[in-house]
Structure formats: C-alpha cells, structure tokens
Amino acid sequence: VKGRFLKEAELAGKLSHPSIISIHDVGEDYELTYMAMELLDGKDLDSFCQKDTLLPLRKILYIIAETADALNYAHSQGVIHRDVKPGNIMLLKNGHVKVTDFGIAKAMSSSHTKTGIILGTPNYMSPDQINGRQIDGRSDIFSLGVVFFQLLTGRLPFGGKTLTELFYQITQTKHPSAREINPKVMRPCEQLIDKALAKDPNQRFQRAADFAKYLKMLGEKIDRVKAEKKSASKKTVGFQNR
C-alpha cells in the first residue's frame, strides 16, 4: 500500500497541467506517510449523473473536452490514469475542471503491474483492461466515453447483476443509444460516444486530444447557432418597434 501511495505521488507529481490536481509535497514523518495536494473547491461529477441533476449540454461538452485535454497531457508524459470516472473529475466553483486520484495510474513504460491483473472501477473499465491486455491512453478514452454517456443520460451504458455479466456487456455488447434515453442528446454527441466506446482500441480516437478537438468544435457550433438566433431575435424586435 505504501509503495502504491508513493508511486501515485511520483506519477501525479510530475504532471503540471491546469486541469490536473497539483501535488505539492510527499514524505514520511515517523510512521506517517503523507501527500500534500491542492485544495479544491467544488463537486465531483457524481453529483451530476442522475436524471434530475444533469448539466446543460454545453457545460457537459466543456467538461469532457477539458478532461480529455488533461488526459492527453498525462499520456504525453507517459502516464495512463486507468480509473477515469465521475468521482475522479471535479467541477470547481469557478467553472474549471480538475482530474484527480492517480492512485492506480501507470507509467506506460512500467512493468510494475502484471498483465492479467485488473485495477480500476468495473463500470468504467475498457475492454482492454478487462481482457488483461497491455493498455495505453486509448483505455482512458473509453472510460471517458462512459462518463460522457452518463452525464448526458443519467445512466451507465453497461450494467449487469454480476461482475461477469457486466464484463460481458462491456466487451461484447454495443452500448444503447443515448438519444433514445435522452431525446435532447444531439446526433453528433452520439457519434462521438460511438467512437469513444468502440470495443477495438484501433477504432477509437487514437489520442485524447482528438476527442477534445471534436467536442470543442461541437461546442463552438452550438455557441454560433445561439449567437445567430439571439442576433435574429434582436433584429425582429427592432423591426417591430419601428
């Protein structure tokens, strides 16, 4: 446990990104091993994963894009998170996003974790993790796709009464349509989910930055449409006043 704790500090401590929690210090004081990290003021995304607490679509796109950017940076530094889930993503009161808890993160070049050992939160695991394959950043992308689906619909894309059933769903069964669960979900969102949740890593976004890019493009398109509607509305009001 102590070894894993210090490994987390080592991996997370070398990551310096606006959307990743900062590690300030780590050390030992007699029998106490400690890690001092940034104090965050906000809520984790678990608070926004129920049907009656869903966030606006534009906000969800921003959160997932920021998280994808943070993961892309971690991957570029040779670190895979391996436990991407709502409880490890914080939405701060100032509107920013922070990815937390690199407790089971793994250096891509590391051999500390043997193939076949499963670490992570079952509902958010990628097929690659479940099958005990050598994983890379695309596993985190799958997990983030699950979070995206949950934020949009208020439910998980995969489930099961037993772990075996859940793992079968994740590895063998296509996820349900997000639009059928929540008609407010835009078709482009569903296309992004389909790409992120591809069973084969080669069919997913190959970099988290690519996922972030399309999320931002969609967000910007929504902003333009809203701006155009607002502008048209003002012109109509102005014409009527004349």
C-alpha atoms as a PDB file:
ATOM      1  CA  VAL A   1       0.000   0.000   0.000  1.00  0.00           C
ATOM      2  CA  LYS A   2       2.806   2.376   0.919  1.00  0.00           C
ATOM      3  CA  GLY A   3       4.591   1.560  -2.333  1.00  0.00           C
ATOM      4  CA  ARG A   4       1.485   2.319  -4.385  1.00  0.00           C
ATOM      5  CA  PHE A   5       0.926   5.535  -2.443  1.00  0.00           C
ATOM      6  CA  LEU A   6       4.458   6.730  -3.183  1.00  0.00           C
ATOM      7  CA  LYS A   7       4.098   5.632  -6.818  1.00  0.00           C
ATOM      8  CA  GLU A   8       0.965   7.789  -7.125  1.00  0.00           C
ATOM      9  CA  ALA A   9       2.873  10.743  -5.722  1.00  0.00           C
ATOM     10  CA  GLU A  10       5.727  10.139  -8.149  1.00  0.00           C
ATOM     11  CA  LEU A  11       3.475   9.861 -11.224  1.00  0.00           C
ATOM     12  CA  ALA A  12       0.990  12.617 -10.354  1.00  0.00           C
ATOM     13  CA  GLY A  13       3.756  14.862  -9.025  1.00  0.00           C
ATOM     14  CA  LYS A  14       5.428  15.088 -12.413  1.00  0.00           C
ATOM     15  CA  LEU A  15       2.199  16.248 -14.078  1.00  0.00           C
ATOM     16  CA  SER A  16       1.763  20.004 -14.321  1.00  0.00           C
ATOM     17  CA  HIS A  17      -1.474  20.930 -16.075  1.00  0.00           C
ATOM     18  CA  PRO A  18      -4.296  23.404 -15.246  1.00  0.00           C
ATOM     19  CA  SER A  19      -6.854  20.572 -15.260  1.00  0.00           C
ATOM     20  CA  ILE A  20      -4.883  18.064 -13.165  1.00  0.00           C
ATOM     21  CA  ILE A  21      -4.703  18.307  -9.384  1.00  0.00           C
ATOM     22  CA  SER A  22      -1.300  19.515  -8.170  1.00  0.00           C
ATOM     23  CA  ILE A  23       0.844  17.527  -5.754  1.00  0.00           C
ATOM     24  CA  HIS A  24       2.801  19.918  -3.537  1.00  0.00           C
ATOM     25  CA  ASP A  25       4.777  17.590  -1.310  1.00  0.00           C
ATOM     26  CA  VAL A  26       5.211  13.974  -0.293  1.00  0.00           C
ATOM     27  CA  GLY A  27       7.204  12.495   2.525  1.00  0.00           C
ATOM     28  CA  GLU A  28       7.403  10.455   5.679  1.00  0.00           C
ATOM     29  CA  ASP A  29       7.208  11.598   9.296  1.00  0.00           C
ATOM     30  CA  TYR A  30       7.986   8.658  11.586  1.00  0.00           C
ATOM     31  CA  GLU A  31       5.159   6.152  10.895  1.00  0.00           C
ATOM     32  CA  LEU A  32       3.122   8.617   8.833  1.00  0.00           C
ATOM     33  CA  THR A  33       3.464   8.763   5.056  1.00  0.00           C
ATOM     34  CA  TYR A  34       1.792  11.869   3.659  1.00  0.00           C
ATOM     35  CA  MET A  35       0.987  13.645   0.421  1.00  0.00           C
ATOM     36  CA  ALA A  36       0.017  17.310   0.343  1.00  0.00           C
ATOM     37  CA  MET A  37      -2.060  18.279  -2.654  1.00  0.00           C
ATOM     38  CA  GLU A  38      -4.020  21.220  -3.992  1.00  0.00           C
ATOM     39  CA  LEU A  39      -7.233  22.047  -2.105  1.00  0.00           C
ATOM     40  CA  LEU A  40     -10.194  22.045  -4.485  1.00  0.00           C
ATOM     41  CA  ASP A  41     -13.471  23.902  -4.009  1.00  0.00           C
ATOM     42  CA  GLY A  42     -16.217  22.184  -5.958  1.00  0.00           C
ATOM     43  CA  LYS A  43     -18.044  18.900  -6.556  1.00  0.00           C
ATOM     44  CA  ASP A  44     -17.092  15.724  -8.338  1.00  0.00           C
ATOM     45  CA  LEU A  45     -19.197  14.664 -11.321  1.00  0.00           C
ATOM     46  CA  ASP A  46     -21.074  12.010  -9.334  1.00  0.00           C
ATOM     47  CA  SER A  47     -23.342  14.911  -8.356  1.00  0.00           C
ATOM     48  CA  PHE A  48     -24.428  15.365 -11.992  1.00  0.00           C
ATOM     49  CA  CYS A  49     -25.016  11.777 -13.104  1.00  0.00           C
ATOM     50  CA  GLN A  50     -28.699  11.389 -12.154  1.00  0.00           C
ATOM     51  CA  LYS A  51     -31.566  12.241 -14.486  1.00  0.00           C
ATOM     52  CA  ASP A  52     -32.767  15.064 -12.230  1.00  0.00           C
ATOM     53  CA  THR A  53     -29.323  16.645 -11.817  1.00  0.00           C
ATOM     54  CA  LEU A  54     -27.997  16.601 -15.393  1.00  0.00           C
ATOM     55  CA  LEU A  55     -25.961  19.610 -16.511  1.00  0.00           C
ATOM     56  CA  PRO A  56     -26.704  21.613 -19.692  1.00  0.00           C
ATOM     57  CA  LEU A  57     -25.263  20.042 -22.843  1.00  0.00           C
ATOM     58  CA  ARG A  58     -22.879  22.935 -23.469  1.00  0.00           C
ATOM     59  CA  LYS A  59     -21.400  22.523 -19.982  1.00  0.00           C
ATOM     60  CA  ILE A  60     -21.013  18.760 -20.442  1.00  0.00           C
ATOM     61  CA  LEU A  61     -19.125  19.272 -23.710  1.00  0.00           C
ATOM     62  CA  TYR A  62     -16.788  21.698 -21.942  1.00  0.00           C
ATOM     63  CA  ILE A  63     -16.149  19.313 -19.023  1.00  0.00           C
ATOM     64  CA  ILE A  64     -15.394  16.296 -21.213  1.00  0.00           C
ATOM     65  CA  ALA A  65     -13.181  18.370 -23.538  1.00  0.00           C
ATOM     66  CA  GLU A  66     -11.176  19.762 -20.609  1.00  0.00           C
ATOM     67  CA  THR A  67     -10.829  16.285 -19.120  1.00  0.00           C
ATOM     68  CA  ALA A  68      -9.707  14.893 -22.481  1.00  0.00           C
ATOM     69  CA  ASP A  69      -7.084  17.644 -22.752  1.00  0.00           C
ATOM     70  CA  ALA A  70      -5.817  16.810 -19.247  1.00  0.00           C
ATOM     71  CA  LEU A  71      -5.623  13.100 -20.069  1.00  0.00           C
ATOM     72  CA  ASN A  72      -3.863  13.851 -23.345  1.00  0.00           C
ATOM     73  CA  TYR A  73      -1.217  15.758 -21.402  1.00  0.00           C
ATOM     74  CA  ALA A  74      -0.822  12.874 -18.910  1.00  0.00           C
ATOM     75  CA  HIS A  75      -0.492  10.418 -21.807  1.00  0.00           C
ATOM     76  CA  SER A  76       2.149  12.655 -23.426  1.00  0.00           C
ATOM     77  CA  GLN A  77       4.095  12.371 -20.161  1.00  0.00           C
ATOM     78  CA  GLY A  78       3.819   8.583 -20.279  1.00  0.00           C
ATOM     79  CA  VAL A  79       1.088   8.275 -17.630  1.00  0.00           C
ATOM     80  CA  ILE A  80      -2.209   6.377 -18.030  1.00  0.00           C
ATOM     81  CA  HIS A  81      -4.840   7.232 -15.393  1.00  0.00           C
ATOM     82  CA  ARG A  82      -6.702   3.863 -15.526  1.00  0.00           C
ATOM     83  CA  ASP A  83      -9.531   4.959 -13.199  1.00  0.00           C
ATOM     84  CA  VAL A  84     -11.348   7.701 -15.101  1.00  0.00           C
ATOM     85  CA  LYS A  85     -14.824   8.029 -13.562  1.00  0.00           C
ATOM     86  CA  PRO A  86     -17.147  10.832 -12.357  1.00  0.00           C
ATOM     87  CA  GLY A  87     -15.789  10.601  -8.806  1.00  0.00           C
ATOM     88  CA  ASN A  88     -12.290  11.420 -10.085  1.00  0.00           C
ATOM     89  CA  ILE A  89     -13.290  14.522 -12.058  1.00  0.00           C
ATOM     90  CA  MET A  90     -14.039  17.701 -10.121  1.00  0.00           C
ATOM     91  CA  LEU A  91     -16.124  20.619 -11.356  1.00  0.00           C
ATOM     92  CA  LEU A  92     -14.861  23.620  -9.409  1.00  0.00           C
ATOM     93  CA  LYS A  93     -16.966  26.573  -8.288  1.00  0.00           C
ATOM     94  CA  ASN A  94     -15.035  28.787 -10.699  1.00  0.00           C
ATOM     95  CA  GLY A  95     -16.202  26.561 -13.566  1.00  0.00           C
ATOM     96  CA  HIS A  96     -12.883  24.844 -14.222  1.00  0.00           C
ATOM     97  CA  VAL A  97     -12.262  21.096 -14.253  1.00  0.00           C
ATOM     98  CA  LYS A  98      -9.688  19.075 -12.312  1.00  0.00           C
ATOM     99  CA  VAL A  99      -8.795  15.415 -12.833  1.00  0.00           C
ATOM    100  CA  THR A 100      -7.877  13.784  -9.518  1.00  0.00           C
ATOM    101  CA  ASP A 101      -6.762  10.481  -7.984  1.00  0.00           C
ATOM    102  CA  PHE A 102      -3.929   8.934  -9.944  1.00  0.00           C
ATOM    103  CA  GLY A 103      -3.902   6.154  -7.330  1.00  0.00           C
ATOM    104  CA  ILE A 104      -3.663   3.332  -9.863  1.00  0.00           C
ATOM    105  CA  ALA A 105      -2.048   5.335 -12.638  1.00  0.00           C
ATOM    106  CA  LYS A 106       0.630   3.503 -14.526  1.00  0.00           C
ATOM    107  CA  ALA A 107       3.697   4.665 -16.351  1.00  0.00           C
ATOM    108  CA  MET A 108       3.400   3.420 -19.935  1.00  0.00           C
ATOM    109  CA  SER A 109       6.922   2.022 -19.783  1.00  0.00           C
ATOM    110  CA  SER A 110       6.365   0.437 -16.367  1.00  0.00           C
ATOM    111  CA  SER A 111       6.123  -3.285 -15.797  1.00  0.00           C
ATOM    112  CA  HIS A 112       5.026  -2.995 -12.149  1.00  0.00           C
ATOM    113  CA  THR A 113       1.529  -4.234 -12.983  1.00  0.00           C
ATOM    114  CA  LYS A 114       1.462  -7.705 -14.458  1.00  0.00           C
ATOM    115  CA  THR A 115      -0.730  -8.443 -17.455  1.00  0.00           C
ATOM    116  CA  GLY A 116      -3.956 -10.044 -16.300  1.00  0.00           C
ATOM    117  CA  ILE A 117      -4.322  -8.052 -13.084  1.00  0.00           C
ATOM    118  CA  ILE A 118      -7.400  -5.842 -13.252  1.00  0.00           C
ATOM    119  CA  LEU A 119      -7.311  -2.488 -11.494  1.00  0.00           C
ATOM    120  CA  GLY A 120      -9.979   0.203 -11.812  1.00  0.00           C
ATOM    121  CA  THR A 121     -13.685   0.771 -11.259  1.00  0.00           C
ATOM    122  CA  PRO A 122     -15.603  -2.007 -13.108  1.00  0.00           C
ATOM    123  CA  ASN A 123     -18.364   0.095 -14.739  1.00  0.00           C
ATOM    124  CA  TYR A 124     -15.825   2.406 -16.378  1.00  0.00           C
ATOM    125  CA  MET A 125     -13.245  -0.160 -17.467  1.00  0.00           C
ATOM    126  CA  SER A 126     -12.293  -0.546 -21.101  1.00  0.00           C
ATOM    127  CA  PRO A 127     -12.470  -3.929 -22.837  1.00  0.00           C
ATOM    128  CA  ASP A 128      -8.656  -3.765 -22.989  1.00  0.00           C
ATOM    129  CA  GLN A 129      -8.422  -3.577 -19.185  1.00  0.00           C
ATOM    130  CA  ILE A 130     -10.926  -6.379 -18.658  1.00  0.00           C
ATOM    131  CA  ASN A 131      -9.143  -8.662 -21.118  1.00  0.00           C
ATOM    132  CA  GLY A 132      -5.842  -8.038 -19.347  1.00  0.00           C
ATOM    133  CA  ARG A 133      -4.166  -6.621 -22.438  1.00  0.00           C
ATOM    134  CA  GLN A 134      -1.325  -4.140 -22.471  1.00  0.00           C
ATOM    135  CA  ILE A 135      -3.157  -0.813 -22.274  1.00  0.00           C
ATOM    136  CA  ASP A 136      -2.369   2.702 -23.426  1.00  0.00           C
ATOM    137  CA  GLY A 137      -4.117   6.075 -23.428  1.00  0.00           C
ATOM    138  CA  ARG A 138      -6.984   4.742 -25.536  1.00  0.00           C
ATOM    139  CA  SER A 139      -8.211   2.835 -22.480  1.00  0.00           C
ATOM    140  CA  ASP A 140      -8.702   6.170 -20.667  1.00  0.00           C
ATOM    141  CA  ILE A 141     -10.573   7.458 -23.726  1.00  0.00           C
ATOM    142  CA  PHE A 142     -13.056   4.574 -23.449  1.00  0.00           C
ATOM    143  CA  SER A 143     -13.582   5.310 -19.742  1.00  0.00           C
ATOM    144  CA  LEU A 144     -14.139   8.997 -20.518  1.00  0.00           C
ATOM    145  CA  GLY A 145     -16.694   7.942 -23.144  1.00  0.00           C
ATOM    146  CA  VAL A 146     -18.611   6.111 -20.392  1.00  0.00           C
ATOM    147  CA  VAL A 147     -18.548   9.290 -18.262  1.00  0.00           C
ATOM    148  CA  PHE A 148     -19.764  11.335 -21.254  1.00  0.00           C
ATOM    149  CA  PHE A 149     -22.656   8.904 -21.809  1.00  0.00           C
ATOM    150  CA  GLN A 150     -23.601   9.039 -18.124  1.00  0.00           C
ATOM    151  CA  LEU A 151     -23.538  12.847 -17.932  1.00  0.00           C
ATOM    152  CA  LEU A 152     -25.821  13.035 -20.989  1.00  0.00           C
ATOM    153  CA  THR A 153     -28.326  10.354 -19.960  1.00  0.00           C
ATOM    154  CA  GLY A 154     -28.169   9.882 -16.202  1.00  0.00           C
ATOM    155  CA  ARG A 155     -27.352   6.187 -16.572  1.00  0.00           C
ATOM    156  CA  LEU A 156     -24.432   3.930 -17.371  1.00  0.00           C
ATOM    157  CA  PRO A 157     -24.048   2.426 -20.859  1.00  0.00           C
ATOM    158  CA  PHE A 158     -23.194  -1.004 -19.449  1.00  0.00           C
ATOM    159  CA  GLY A 159     -24.552  -2.903 -16.459  1.00  0.00           C
ATOM    160  CA  GLY A 160     -25.102  -6.345 -15.036  1.00  0.00           C
ATOM    161  CA  LYS A 161     -26.257  -8.156 -11.925  1.00  0.00           C
ATOM    162  CA  THR A 162     -22.857  -9.821 -11.611  1.00  0.00           C
ATOM    163  CA  LEU A 163     -19.305  -8.797 -12.479  1.00  0.00           C
ATOM    164  CA  THR A 164     -19.230 -11.499 -15.154  1.00  0.00           C
ATOM    165  CA  GLU A 165     -22.384 -10.099 -16.764  1.00  0.00           C
ATOM    166  CA  LEU A 166     -21.024  -6.545 -16.602  1.00  0.00           C
ATOM    167  CA  PHE A 167     -17.722  -7.564 -18.174  1.00  0.00           C
ATOM    168  CA  TYR A 168     -19.575  -9.405 -20.938  1.00  0.00           C
ATOM    169  CA  GLN A 169     -21.609  -6.259 -21.671  1.00  0.00           C
ATOM    170  CA  ILE A 170     -18.502  -4.082 -21.855  1.00  0.00           C
ATOM    171  CA  THR A 171     -16.501  -6.468 -24.038  1.00  0.00           C
ATOM    172  CA  GLN A 172     -19.219  -7.922 -26.283  1.00  0.00           C
ATOM    173  CA  THR A 173     -22.404  -5.795 -26.318  1.00  0.00           C
ATOM    174  CA  LYS A 174     -22.949  -2.463 -28.048  1.00  0.00           C
ATOM    175  CA  HIS A 175     -23.977   0.381 -25.759  1.00  0.00           C
ATOM    176  CA  PRO A 176     -27.565   1.679 -26.051  1.00  0.00           C
ATOM    177  CA  SER A 177     -28.470   4.826 -27.950  1.00  0.00           C
ATOM    178  CA  ALA A 178     -28.012   7.932 -25.792  1.00  0.00           C
ATOM    179  CA  ARG A 179     -30.640   9.732 -27.903  1.00  0.00           C
ATOM    180  CA  GLU A 180     -33.247   7.079 -27.146  1.00  0.00           C
ATOM    181  CA  ILE A 181     -32.651   7.552 -23.424  1.00  0.00           C
ATOM    182  CA  ASN A 182     -32.500  11.349 -23.623  1.00  0.00           C
ATOM    183  CA  PRO A 183     -34.005  12.848 -26.824  1.00  0.00           C
ATOM    184  CA  LYS A 184     -32.174  16.122 -26.082  1.00  0.00           C
ATOM    185  CA  VAL A 185     -28.846  14.465 -26.930  1.00  0.00           C
ATOM    186  CA  MET A 186     -27.628  15.737 -30.303  1.00  0.00           C
ATOM    187  CA  ARG A 187     -26.747  13.270 -33.034  1.00  0.00           C
ATOM    188  CA  PRO A 188     -23.103  14.483 -33.182  1.00  0.00           C
ATOM    189  CA  CYS A 189     -22.810  13.646 -29.466  1.00  0.00           C
ATOM    190  CA  GLU A 190     -23.957  10.125 -30.197  1.00  0.00           C
ATOM    191  CA  GLN A 191     -21.357   9.838 -32.953  1.00  0.00           C
ATOM    192  CA  LEU A 192     -18.625  10.925 -30.526  1.00  0.00           C
ATOM    193  CA  ILE A 193     -19.838   8.386 -27.963  1.00  0.00           C
ATOM    194  CA  ASP A 194     -19.818   5.621 -30.597  1.00  0.00           C
ATOM    195  CA  LYS A 195     -16.212   6.476 -31.474  1.00  0.00           C
ATOM    196  CA  ALA A 196     -15.030   6.664 -27.849  1.00  0.00           C
ATOM    197  CA  LEU A 197     -16.792   3.416 -26.859  1.00  0.00           C
ATOM    198  CA  ALA A 198     -15.527   1.283 -29.738  1.00  0.00           C
ATOM    199  CA  LYS A 199     -14.550  -2.171 -28.461  1.00  0.00           C
ATOM    200  CA  ASP A 200     -11.397  -2.212 -30.578  1.00  0.00           C
ATOM    201  CA  PRO A 201      -8.877   0.436 -29.434  1.00  0.00           C
ATOM    202  CA  ASN A 202      -7.889   0.967 -33.073  1.00  0.00           C
ATOM    203  CA  GLN A 203     -11.438   2.138 -33.826  1.00  0.00           C
ATOM    204  CA  ARG A 204     -11.474   4.748 -31.018  1.00  0.00           C
ATOM    205  CA  PHE A 205      -9.982   8.218 -31.028  1.00  0.00           C
ATOM    206  CA  GLN A 206      -6.273   7.491 -31.099  1.00  0.00           C
ATOM    207  CA  ARG A 207      -5.419  10.461 -28.895  1.00  0.00           C
ATOM    208  CA  ALA A 208      -7.466  12.169 -26.207  1.00  0.00           C
ATOM    209  CA  ALA A 209      -6.614  15.448 -27.963  1.00  0.00           C
ATOM    210  CA  ASP A 210      -8.638  14.270 -30.981  1.00  0.00           C
ATOM    211  CA  PHE A 211     -11.641  13.600 -28.733  1.00  0.00           C
ATOM    212  CA  ALA A 212     -11.221  17.072 -27.196  1.00  0.00           C
ATOM    213  CA  LYS A 213     -10.959  18.708 -30.627  1.00  0.00           C
ATOM    214  CA  TYR A 214     -14.327  17.390 -31.839  1.00  0.00           C
ATOM    215  CA  LEU A 215     -16.025  18.193 -28.513  1.00  0.00           C
ATOM    216  CA  LYS A 216     -14.782  21.780 -28.775  1.00  0.00           C
ATOM    217  CA  MET A 217     -15.874  22.037 -32.417  1.00  0.00           C
ATOM    218  CA  LEU A 218     -19.374  20.926 -31.445  1.00  0.00           C
ATOM    219  CA  GLY A 219     -19.442  23.362 -28.532  1.00  0.00           C
ATOM    220  CA  GLU A 220     -18.354  26.229 -30.780  1.00  0.00           C
ATOM    221  CA  LYS A 221     -21.039  25.326 -33.318  1.00  0.00           C
ATOM    222  CA  ILE A 222     -23.685  25.439 -30.566  1.00  0.00           C
ATOM    223  CA  ASP A 223     -22.354  28.852 -29.482  1.00  0.00           C
ATOM    224  CA  ARG A 224     -22.577  30.187 -33.060  1.00  0.00           C
ATOM    225  CA  VAL A 225     -26.144  28.955 -33.519  1.00  0.00           C
ATOM    226  CA  LYS A 226     -27.194  30.552 -30.215  1.00  0.00           C
ATOM    227  CA  ALA A 227     -25.492  33.819 -31.172  1.00  0.00           C
ATOM    228  CA  GLU A 228     -27.193  33.837 -34.580  1.00  0.00           C
ATOM    229  CA  LYS A 229     -30.603  33.175 -33.011  1.00  0.00           C
ATOM    230  CA  LYS A 230     -30.043  35.954 -30.471  1.00  0.00           C
ATOM    231  CA  SER A 231     -28.979  38.350 -33.221  1.00  0.00           C
ATOM    232  CA  ALA A 232     -32.011  37.431 -35.368  1.00  0.00           C
ATOM    233  CA  SER A 233     -34.307  37.892 -32.362  1.00  0.00           C
ATOM    234  CA  LYS A 234     -32.902  41.396 -31.713  1.00  0.00           C
ATOM    235  CA  LYS A 235     -33.397  42.359 -35.370  1.00  0.00           C
ATOM    236  CA  THR A 236     -37.017  41.162 -35.234  1.00  0.00           C
ATOM    237  CA  VAL A 237     -37.689  43.181 -32.081  1.00  0.00           C
ATOM    238  CA  GLY A 238     -36.045  46.237 -33.627  1.00  0.00           C
ATOM    239  CA  PHE A 239     -38.192  45.909 -36.770  1.00  0.00           C
ATOM    240  CA  GLN A 240     -41.382  45.586 -34.686  1.00  0.00           C
ATOM    241  CA  ASN A 241     -40.503  48.694 -32.651  1.00  0.00           C
ATOM    242  CA  ARG A 242     -40.267  50.721 -35.835  1.00  0.00           C
END
